[in-house]
């Protein structure tokens, strides 16, 4: 009986370890996909905001849809000749007014677009914020701590912890950050600086030896 029980216990332990590993990978994959969804939702919200701003600008500038022009053309073609001349004269004046106002509208739209683009360009990316925070930190930081610190420093930006964790893993993969575990918690630090002076110190004795020889 003991000989039969031992292999069964060992097999159970192997299955338990395999199931535990599969479960951890499943949880990590769920977190990654959830982070991607959160990032896409942020992009969608930004696009919707830009759409609302552009629609309001178009209304403020008095820009009308082009779909109304064919109806006006067909109506003018059906009127008698005296009315055609009057409508043509009126249409000429309207076109002249529109052509004169077009450069002003274009300038206003261009300046608004440039101002909005400059505002977006001035904002650092999430990767830059995380790298800067790690460089300024004197001790390892978790993804939740980094997310809370960045959210407090930049309240105008919606910074999710899962997005920060995915970004940190990307920096680790590029050797732009280091990861360490303390129990079940994961902490991140800035990469250690490379000892550039070591290679120079090693090269100097070799050069001196060559000169003596």
C-alpha atoms as a PDB file:
ATOM      1  CA  UNK A   1       0.000   0.000   0.000  1.00  0.00           C
ATOM      2  CA  UNK A   2       2.720   2.648   0.759  1.00  0.00           C
ATOM      3  CA  UNK A   3       4.385   2.010  -2.640  1.00  0.00           C
ATOM      4  CA  UNK A   4       1.082   2.742  -4.437  1.00  0.00           C
ATOM      5  CA  UNK A   5       0.342   5.850  -2.383  1.00  0.00           C
ATOM      6  CA  UNK A   6       3.718   7.511  -3.040  1.00  0.00           C
ATOM      7  CA  UNK A   7       3.445   7.698  -6.880  1.00  0.00           C
ATOM      8  CA  UNK A   8      -0.154   8.891  -6.591  1.00  0.00           C
ATOM      9  CA  UNK A   9       0.878  11.683  -4.217  1.00  0.00           C
ATOM     10  CA  UNK A  10       3.732  12.723  -6.507  1.00  0.00           C
ATOM     11  CA  UNK A  11       1.398  12.769  -9.531  1.00  0.00           C
ATOM     12  CA  UNK A  12      -1.105  14.882  -7.596  1.00  0.00           C
ATOM     13  CA  UNK A  13       1.648  17.359  -6.707  1.00  0.00           C
ATOM     14  CA  UNK A  14       2.676  17.627 -10.372  1.00  0.00           C
ATOM     15  CA  UNK A  15      -0.899  18.282 -11.468  1.00  0.00           C
ATOM     16  CA  UNK A  16      -1.330  20.838  -8.691  1.00  0.00           C
ATOM     17  CA  UNK A  17       1.824  22.696  -9.762  1.00  0.00           C
ATOM     18  CA  UNK A  18       0.734  22.643 -13.412  1.00  0.00           C
ATOM     19  CA  UNK A  19      -2.750  23.917 -12.575  1.00  0.00           C
ATOM     20  CA  UNK A  20      -1.279  26.668 -10.401  1.00  0.00           C
ATOM     21  CA  UNK A  21       1.040  27.767 -13.216  1.00  0.00           C
ATOM     22  CA  UNK A  22      -1.796  27.745 -15.773  1.00  0.00           C
ATOM     23  CA  UNK A  23      -3.949  29.775 -13.384  1.00  0.00           C
ATOM     24  CA  UNK A  24      -1.239  32.402 -12.928  1.00  0.00           C
ATOM     25  CA  UNK A  25      -0.744  32.701 -16.683  1.00  0.00           C
ATOM     26  CA  UNK A  26      -4.517  33.031 -17.144  1.00  0.00           C
ATOM     27  CA  UNK A  27      -4.699  35.845 -14.587  1.00  0.00           C
ATOM     28  CA  UNK A  28      -1.766  37.694 -16.208  1.00  0.00           C
ATOM     29  CA  UNK A  29      -3.383  37.383 -19.646  1.00  0.00           C
ATOM     30  CA  UNK A  30      -6.661  38.743 -18.266  1.00  0.00           C
ATOM     31  CA  UNK A  31      -4.812  41.699 -16.778  1.00  0.00           C
ATOM     32  CA  UNK A  32      -3.046  42.371 -20.079  1.00  0.00           C
ATOM     33  CA  UNK A  33      -6.278  42.290 -22.089  1.00  0.00           C
ATOM     34  CA  UNK A  34      -8.063  44.422 -19.485  1.00  0.00           C
ATOM     35  CA  UNK A  35      -5.248  46.986 -19.722  1.00  0.00           C
ATOM     36  CA  UNK A  36      -5.536  47.017 -23.527  1.00  0.00           C
ATOM     37  CA  UNK A  37      -9.279  47.593 -23.247  1.00  0.00           C
ATOM     38  CA  UNK A  38      -8.748  50.441 -20.786  1.00  0.00           C
ATOM     39  CA  UNK A  39      -6.206  52.048 -23.121  1.00  0.00           C
ATOM     40  CA  UNK A  40      -8.577  51.753 -26.093  1.00  0.00           C
ATOM     41  CA  UNK A  41     -11.380  53.256 -24.041  1.00  0.00           C
ATOM     42  CA  UNK A  42      -9.169  56.224 -23.221  1.00  0.00           C
ATOM     43  CA  UNK A  43      -8.349  56.688 -26.909  1.00  0.00           C
ATOM     44  CA  UNK A  44     -12.040  56.459 -27.807  1.00  0.00           C
ATOM     45  CA  UNK A  45     -12.940  59.042 -25.162  1.00  0.00           C
ATOM     46  CA  UNK A  46     -10.246  61.389 -26.523  1.00  0.00           C
ATOM     47  CA  UNK A  47     -11.555  60.989 -30.083  1.00  0.00           C
ATOM     48  CA  UNK A  48     -15.117  61.648 -28.955  1.00  0.00           C
ATOM     49  CA  UNK A  49     -13.964  64.771 -27.142  1.00  0.00           C
ATOM     50  CA  UNK A  50     -12.117  65.997 -30.256  1.00  0.00           C
ATOM     51  CA  UNK A  51     -15.209  65.267 -32.348  1.00  0.00           C
ATOM     52  CA  UNK A  52     -17.382  67.378 -30.056  1.00  0.00           C
ATOM     53  CA  UNK A  53     -14.865  70.242 -30.167  1.00  0.00           C
ATOM     54  CA  UNK A  54     -14.693  70.150 -33.969  1.00  0.00           C
ATOM     55  CA  UNK A  55     -18.487  70.074 -34.321  1.00  0.00           C
ATOM     56  CA  UNK A  56     -18.818  73.076 -32.010  1.00  0.00           C
ATOM     57  CA  UNK A  57     -16.124  74.934 -33.961  1.00  0.00           C
ATOM     58  CA  UNK A  58     -17.896  74.206 -37.242  1.00  0.00           C
ATOM     59  CA  UNK A  59     -21.175  75.500 -35.860  1.00  0.00           C
ATOM     60  CA  UNK A  60     -19.476  78.600 -34.455  1.00  0.00           C
ATOM     61  CA  UNK A  61     -17.887  79.312 -37.842  1.00  0.00           C
ATOM     62  CA  UNK A  62     -21.248  78.927 -39.591  1.00  0.00           C
ATOM     63  CA  UNK A  63     -20.128  76.085 -41.855  1.00  0.00           C
ATOM     64  CA  UNK A  64     -23.130  74.321 -43.416  1.00  0.00           C
ATOM     65  CA  UNK A  65     -23.323  70.856 -44.933  1.00  0.00           C
ATOM     66  CA  UNK A  66     -22.729  70.610 -48.696  1.00  0.00           C
ATOM     67  CA  UNK A  67     -25.776  68.347 -49.083  1.00  0.00           C
ATOM     68  CA  UNK A  68     -28.053  71.403 -49.206  1.00  0.00           C
ATOM     69  CA  UNK A  69     -26.416  72.880 -52.342  1.00  0.00           C
ATOM     70  CA  UNK A  70     -27.821  70.457 -54.994  1.00  0.00           C
ATOM     71  CA  UNK A  71     -31.375  71.157 -53.833  1.00  0.00           C
ATOM     72  CA  UNK A  72     -30.847  74.900 -54.278  1.00  0.00           C
ATOM     73  CA  UNK A  73     -29.384  74.338 -57.752  1.00  0.00           C
ATOM     74  CA  UNK A  74     -32.340  72.248 -58.925  1.00  0.00           C
ATOM     75  CA  UNK A  75     -34.779  74.831 -57.570  1.00  0.00           C
ATOM     76  CA  UNK A  76     -33.072  77.687 -59.409  1.00  0.00           C
ATOM     77  CA  UNK A  77     -33.150  75.699 -62.662  1.00  0.00           C
ATOM     78  CA  UNK A  78     -36.948  75.353 -62.476  1.00  0.00           C
ATOM     79  CA  UNK A  79     -37.815  79.080 -62.033  1.00  0.00           C
ATOM     80  CA  UNK A  80     -38.583  81.432 -64.976  1.00  0.00           C
ATOM     81  CA  UNK A  81     -35.832  83.492 -66.573  1.00  0.00           C
ATOM     82  CA  UNK A  82     -36.461  86.802 -64.666  1.00  0.00           C
ATOM     83  CA  UNK A  83     -36.204  84.962 -61.377  1.00  0.00           C
ATOM     84  CA  UNK A  84     -33.118  83.154 -62.649  1.00  0.00           C
ATOM     85  CA  UNK A  85     -31.354  86.480 -63.173  1.00  0.00           C
ATOM     86  CA  UNK A  86     -32.304  87.705 -59.710  1.00  0.00           C
ATOM     87  CA  UNK A  87     -31.280  84.490 -58.026  1.00  0.00           C
ATOM     88  CA  UNK A  88     -28.031  84.449 -60.022  1.00  0.00           C
ATOM     89  CA  UNK A  89     -27.202  87.959 -58.864  1.00  0.00           C
ATOM     90  CA  UNK A  90     -28.090  87.087 -55.293  1.00  0.00           C
ATOM     91  CA  UNK A  91     -26.057  83.887 -55.547  1.00  0.00           C
ATOM     92  CA  UNK A  92     -23.082  85.844 -56.891  1.00  0.00           C
ATOM     93  CA  UNK A  93     -23.185  88.167 -53.889  1.00  0.00           C
ATOM     94  CA  UNK A  94     -23.441  85.220 -51.494  1.00  0.00           C
ATOM     95  CA  UNK A  95     -20.487  83.514 -53.163  1.00  0.00           C
ATOM     96  CA  UNK A  96     -18.467  86.710 -52.916  1.00  0.00           C
ATOM     97  CA  UNK A  97     -19.259  87.016 -49.212  1.00  0.00           C
ATOM     98  CA  UNK A  98     -18.407  83.358 -48.637  1.00  0.00           C
ATOM     99  CA  UNK A  99     -15.153  83.640 -50.599  1.00  0.00           C
ATOM    100  CA  UNK A 100     -14.164  86.693 -48.570  1.00  0.00           C
ATOM    101  CA  UNK A 101     -14.988  84.960 -45.277  1.00  0.00           C
ATOM    102  CA  UNK A 102     -13.326  81.674 -46.243  1.00  0.00           C
ATOM    103  CA  UNK A 103      -9.731  82.806 -45.503  1.00  0.00           C
ATOM    104  CA  UNK A 104     -10.788  84.084 -42.081  1.00  0.00           C
ATOM    105  CA  UNK A 105     -12.567  80.812 -41.253  1.00  0.00           C
ATOM    106  CA  UNK A 106      -9.569  78.815 -42.447  1.00  0.00           C
ATOM    107  CA  UNK A 107      -7.220  80.942 -40.353  1.00  0.00           C
ATOM    108  CA  UNK A 108      -9.385  80.522 -37.253  1.00  0.00           C
ATOM    109  CA  UNK A 109      -9.630  76.761 -37.783  1.00  0.00           C
ATOM    110  CA  UNK A 110      -5.878  76.467 -38.435  1.00  0.00           C
ATOM    111  CA  UNK A 111      -4.939  78.468 -35.335  1.00  0.00           C
ATOM    112  CA  UNK A 112      -7.304  76.390 -33.201  1.00  0.00           C
ATOM    113  CA  UNK A 113      -5.838  73.164 -34.586  1.00  0.00           C
ATOM    114  CA  UNK A 114      -2.279  74.398 -34.008  1.00  0.00           C
ATOM    115  CA  UNK A 115      -3.100  75.425 -30.438  1.00  0.00           C
ATOM    116  CA  UNK A 116      -4.668  72.039 -29.728  1.00  0.00           C
ATOM    117  CA  UNK A 117      -1.732  70.230 -31.324  1.00  0.00           C
ATOM    118  CA  UNK A 118       0.761  72.270 -29.282  1.00  0.00           C
ATOM    119  CA  UNK A 119      -1.120  71.440 -26.101  1.00  0.00           C
ATOM    120  CA  UNK A 120      -1.019  67.719 -26.891  1.00  0.00           C
ATOM    121  CA  UNK A 121       2.652  67.868 -27.883  1.00  0.00           C
ATOM    122  CA  UNK A 122       3.564  69.599 -24.621  1.00  0.00           C
ATOM    123  CA  UNK A 123       2.137  66.747 -22.554  1.00  0.00           C
ATOM    124  CA  UNK A 124       4.666  63.969 -21.837  1.00  0.00           C
ATOM    125  CA  UNK A 125       3.684  60.398 -22.630  1.00  0.00           C
ATOM    126  CA  UNK A 126       2.877  57.848 -19.947  1.00  0.00           C
ATOM    127  CA  UNK A 127       6.163  56.063 -20.659  1.00  0.00           C
ATOM    128  CA  UNK A 128       8.119  59.288 -20.059  1.00  0.00           C
ATOM    129  CA  UNK A 129       6.226  59.960 -16.831  1.00  0.00           C
ATOM    130  CA  UNK A 130       6.910  56.441 -15.518  1.00  0.00           C
ATOM    131  CA  UNK A 131      10.617  56.520 -16.453  1.00  0.00           C
ATOM    132  CA  UNK A 132      10.998  59.932 -14.816  1.00  0.00           C
ATOM    133  CA  UNK A 133       9.228  58.721 -11.662  1.00  0.00           C
ATOM    134  CA  UNK A 134      11.453  55.624 -11.416  1.00  0.00           C
ATOM    135  CA  UNK A 135      14.574  57.736 -11.911  1.00  0.00           C
ATOM    136  CA  UNK A 136      13.528  60.087  -9.105  1.00  0.00           C
ATOM    137  CA  UNK A 137      12.532  57.274  -6.702  1.00  0.00           C
ATOM    138  CA  UNK A 138      15.090  56.102  -4.137  1.00  0.00           C
ATOM    139  CA  UNK A 139      13.392  52.762  -3.453  1.00  0.00           C
ATOM    140  CA  UNK A 140      11.419  50.137  -5.434  1.00  0.00           C
ATOM    141  CA  UNK A 141       7.858  51.125  -6.281  1.00  0.00           C
ATOM    142  CA  UNK A 142       4.838  48.974  -7.117  1.00  0.00           C
ATOM    143  CA  UNK A 143       2.547  49.639 -10.077  1.00  0.00           C
ATOM    144  CA  UNK A 144      -0.210  50.822  -7.716  1.00  0.00           C
ATOM    145  CA  UNK A 145       2.150  53.274  -5.983  1.00  0.00           C
ATOM    146  CA  UNK A 146       3.399  54.654  -9.297  1.00  0.00           C
ATOM    147  CA  UNK A 147      -0.169  55.006 -10.604  1.00  0.00           C
ATOM    148  CA  UNK A 148      -1.276  56.838  -7.442  1.00  0.00           C
ATOM    149  CA  UNK A 149       1.713  59.194  -7.556  1.00  0.00           C
ATOM    150  CA  UNK A 150       1.234  60.030 -11.239  1.00  0.00           C
ATOM    151  CA  UNK A 151      -2.517  60.465 -10.792  1.00  0.00           C
ATOM    152  CA  UNK A 152      -1.886  62.923  -7.960  1.00  0.00           C
ATOM    153  CA  UNK A 153       0.753  64.812  -9.951  1.00  0.00           C
ATOM    154  CA  UNK A 154      -1.363  64.868 -13.137  1.00  0.00           C
ATOM    155  CA  UNK A 155      -5.054  64.917 -12.088  1.00  0.00           C
ATOM    156  CA  UNK A 156      -6.112  65.953 -15.581  1.00  0.00           C
ATOM    157  CA  UNK A 157      -5.018  62.575 -16.972  1.00  0.00           C
ATOM    158  CA  UNK A 158      -6.839  59.320 -16.296  1.00  0.00           C
ATOM    159  CA  UNK A 159      -4.013  56.960 -15.331  1.00  0.00           C
ATOM    160  CA  UNK A 160      -5.157  53.387 -14.635  1.00  0.00           C
ATOM    161  CA  UNK A 161      -3.072  51.023 -12.538  1.00  0.00           C
ATOM    162  CA  UNK A 162      -3.405  48.194 -15.089  1.00  0.00           C
ATOM    163  CA  UNK A 163      -2.156  50.430 -17.899  1.00  0.00           C
ATOM    164  CA  UNK A 164       0.795  51.468 -15.733  1.00  0.00           C
ATOM    165  CA  UNK A 165       1.585  47.797 -14.998  1.00  0.00           C
ATOM    166  CA  UNK A 166       1.562  46.901 -18.725  1.00  0.00           C
ATOM    167  CA  UNK A 167       3.777  49.906 -19.496  1.00  0.00           C
ATOM    168  CA  UNK A 168       6.214  48.884 -16.760  1.00  0.00           C
ATOM    169  CA  UNK A 169       6.430  45.337 -18.145  1.00  0.00           C
ATOM    170  CA  UNK A 170       7.206  46.828 -21.544  1.00  0.00           C
ATOM    171  CA  UNK A 171      10.020  48.911 -20.035  1.00  0.00           C
ATOM    172  CA  UNK A 172      11.382  45.795 -18.303  1.00  0.00           C
ATOM    173  CA  UNK A 173      11.360  43.930 -21.620  1.00  0.00           C
ATOM    174  CA  UNK A 174      13.375  46.791 -23.169  1.00  0.00           C
ATOM    175  CA  UNK A 175      15.833  46.852 -20.214  1.00  0.00           C
ATOM    176  CA  UNK A 176      14.621  50.360 -19.359  1.00  0.00           C
ATOM    177  CA  UNK A 177      13.393  49.240 -15.916  1.00  0.00           C
ATOM    178  CA  UNK A 178      14.139  46.472 -13.439  1.00  0.00           C
ATOM    179  CA  UNK A 179      11.620  44.227 -11.685  1.00  0.00           C
ATOM    180  CA  UNK A 180      11.920  42.525  -8.304  1.00  0.00           C
ATOM    181  CA  UNK A 181       9.565  40.444  -6.175  1.00  0.00           C
ATOM    182  CA  UNK A 182       9.034  40.660  -2.444  1.00  0.00           C
ATOM    183  CA  UNK A 183       6.715  37.843  -1.489  1.00  0.00           C
ATOM    184  CA  UNK A 184       3.707  38.085  -3.824  1.00  0.00           C
ATOM    185  CA  UNK A 185       4.282  41.774  -4.580  1.00  0.00           C
ATOM    186  CA  UNK A 186       6.152  43.057  -7.639  1.00  0.00           C
ATOM    187  CA  UNK A 187       8.252  46.220  -7.469  1.00  0.00           C
ATOM    188  CA  UNK A 188      10.003  48.247 -10.166  1.00  0.00           C
ATOM    189  CA  UNK A 189      13.118  50.412 -10.176  1.00  0.00           C
ATOM    190  CA  UNK A 190      15.105  52.395 -12.697  1.00  0.00           C
ATOM    191  CA  UNK A 191      17.887  50.415 -14.427  1.00  0.00           C
ATOM    192  CA  UNK A 192      21.281  50.568 -12.754  1.00  0.00           C
ATOM    193  CA  UNK A 193      23.747  52.837 -14.601  1.00  0.00           C
ATOM    194  CA  UNK A 194      26.389  51.039 -16.619  1.00  0.00           C
ATOM    195  CA  UNK A 195      29.917  51.310 -15.128  1.00  0.00           C
ATOM    196  CA  UNK A 196      31.453  53.140 -18.085  1.00  0.00           C
ATOM    197  CA  UNK A 197      34.736  53.811 -16.261  1.00  0.00           C
ATOM    198  CA  UNK A 198      35.522  50.117 -15.804  1.00  0.00           C
ATOM    199  CA  UNK A 199      36.238  49.439 -19.476  1.00  0.00           C
ATOM    200  CA  UNK A 200      38.476  52.505 -19.713  1.00  0.00           C
ATOM    201  CA  UNK A 201      40.434  51.467 -16.611  1.00  0.00           C
ATOM    202  CA  UNK A 202      40.932  47.984 -18.040  1.00  0.00           C
ATOM    203  CA  UNK A 203      42.113  49.368 -21.372  1.00  0.00           C
ATOM    204  CA  UNK A 204      44.787  51.684 -19.906  1.00  0.00           C
ATOM    205  CA  UNK A 205      47.078  48.963 -18.430  1.00  0.00           C
ATOM    206  CA  UNK A 206      47.056  47.123 -21.757  1.00  0.00           C
ATOM    207  CA  UNK A 207      48.128  50.267 -23.627  1.00  0.00           C
ATOM    208  CA  UNK A 208      50.892  50.929 -21.066  1.00  0.00           C
ATOM    209  CA  UNK A 209      52.124  47.385 -21.365  1.00  0.00           C
ATOM    210  CA  UNK A 210      52.326  47.729 -25.142  1.00  0.00           C
ATOM    211  CA  UNK A 211      54.419  50.873 -24.875  1.00  0.00           C
ATOM    212  CA  UNK A 212      56.917  49.250 -22.468  1.00  0.00           C
ATOM    213  CA  UNK A 213      57.300  46.287 -24.767  1.00  0.00           C
END
